[in-house]
Protein backbone atom coordinates (compact mmCIF):
# COMPACT_ATOMS: atom_id res chain seq x y z
CA UNK A 1 30.05 13.02 -22.57
CA UNK A 2 29.36 10.06 -20.36
CA UNK A 3 25.91 10.13 -18.79
CA UNK A 4 26.15 6.69 -17.24
CA UNK A 5 26.46 8.10 -13.71
CA UNK A 6 23.16 9.98 -14.16
CA UNK A 7 21.45 6.82 -15.36
CA UNK A 8 22.66 4.90 -12.32
CA UNK A 9 21.48 7.71 -10.04
CA UNK A 10 18.01 7.79 -11.63
CA UNK A 11 17.70 3.99 -11.49
CA UNK A 12 17.79 4.24 -7.69
CA UNK A 13 14.66 6.39 -7.74
CA UNK A 14 13.00 4.07 -10.23
CA UNK A 15 13.51 1.14 -7.85
CA UNK A 16 12.05 3.12 -4.93
CA UNK A 17 8.98 4.11 -6.94
CA UNK A 18 8.45 0.54 -8.16
CA UNK A 19 8.69 -0.78 -4.60
CA UNK A 20 6.10 1.72 -3.41
CA UNK A 21 3.73 0.79 -6.24
CA UNK A 22 4.14 -2.93 -5.53
CA UNK A 23 3.48 -2.34 -1.83
CA UNK A 24 0.36 -0.35 -2.64
CA UNK A 25 -0.87 -3.11 -4.97
CA UNK A 26 -0.41 -5.72 -2.24
CA UNK A 27 -2.23 -3.52 0.29
CA UNK A 28 -5.13 -2.93 -2.11
CA UNK A 29 -5.40 -6.63 -2.95
CA UNK A 30 -5.34 -7.61 0.73
CA UNK A 31 -8.07 -5.11 1.60
CA UNK A 32 -10.15 -6.19 -1.41
CA UNK A 33 -9.82 -9.87 -0.51
CA UNK A 34 -10.73 -9.27 3.12
CA UNK A 35 -13.82 -7.13 2.54
CA UNK A 36 -14.90 -8.91 -0.69
CA UNK A 37 -15.10 -5.63 -2.59
CA UNK A 38 -12.65 -4.21 -5.13
CA UNK A 39 -10.81 -1.15 -3.84
CA UNK A 40 -9.76 1.42 -6.43
CA UNK A 41 -6.14 2.57 -6.74
CA UNK A 42 -6.93 6.21 -5.95
CA UNK A 43 -8.78 5.32 -2.74
CA UNK A 44 -5.70 4.01 -0.90
CA UNK A 45 -2.78 6.16 0.25
CA UNK A 46 0.18 4.93 2.29
CA UNK A 47 2.10 7.44 4.35
CA UNK A 48 4.39 7.01 7.37
CA UNK A 49 3.15 3.54 8.23
CA UNK A 50 -0.51 4.51 8.01
CA UNK A 51 -2.92 3.28 5.36
CA UNK A 52 -5.49 5.92 4.46
CA UNK A 53 -8.69 4.68 2.80
CA UNK A 54 -10.67 7.50 1.18
CA UNK A 55 -13.95 5.88 0.22
CA UNK A 56 -17.65 5.94 0.96
CA UNK A 57 -18.64 5.64 4.62
CA UNK A 58 -20.04 2.15 4.05
CA UNK A 59 -16.78 0.92 2.49
CA UNK A 60 -14.68 2.57 5.19
CA UNK A 61 -16.82 0.97 7.88
CA UNK A 62 -16.29 -2.43 6.26
CA UNK A 63 -12.53 -1.84 6.20
CA UNK A 64 -12.53 -0.77 9.85
CA UNK A 65 -14.47 -3.89 10.87
CA UNK A 66 -11.75 -6.05 9.26
CA UNK A 67 -8.82 -3.82 10.28
CA UNK A 68 -7.10 -6.35 12.56
CA UNK A 69 -7.28 -9.13 9.97
CA UNK A 70 -6.00 -6.82 7.23
CA UNK A 71 -3.05 -5.64 9.34
CA UNK A 72 -2.21 -9.23 10.34
CA UNK A 73 -2.20 -10.39 6.70
CA UNK A 74 -0.05 -7.42 5.66
CA UNK A 75 2.39 -8.18 8.46
CA UNK A 76 2.78 -11.71 7.06
CA UNK A 77 2.97 -10.60 3.42
CA UNK A 78 5.20 -7.55 3.92
CA UNK A 79 7.35 -8.09 7.02
CA UNK A 80 9.73 -5.29 6.00
CA UNK A 81 6.92 -2.70 6.14
CA UNK A 82 5.53 -1.84 9.54
CA UNK A 83 1.95 -0.70 9.08
CA UNK A 84 0.72 1.00 12.24
CA UNK A 85 -2.94 1.61 11.53
CA UNK A 86 -5.66 2.02 8.92
CA UNK A 87 -7.46 5.34 8.85
């Protein structure tokens, strides 16, 4: 049997997952650079154009203070993604 068509189908999902992971890495690095504090992978979630930061209140406050700069940098780095807000 030829399973090549299944492999091609699954490769599409692999590309989508890799793109999401790369986007998340860029978002985490941008936030970390802006607030001068490393942000853990599990603390950042991206959903429907919103970036959710689930961290301590002090870290979240720091992110919110730099929200405009973070969104501006992400707009320059990832023009294809339209991030609406950071929550």
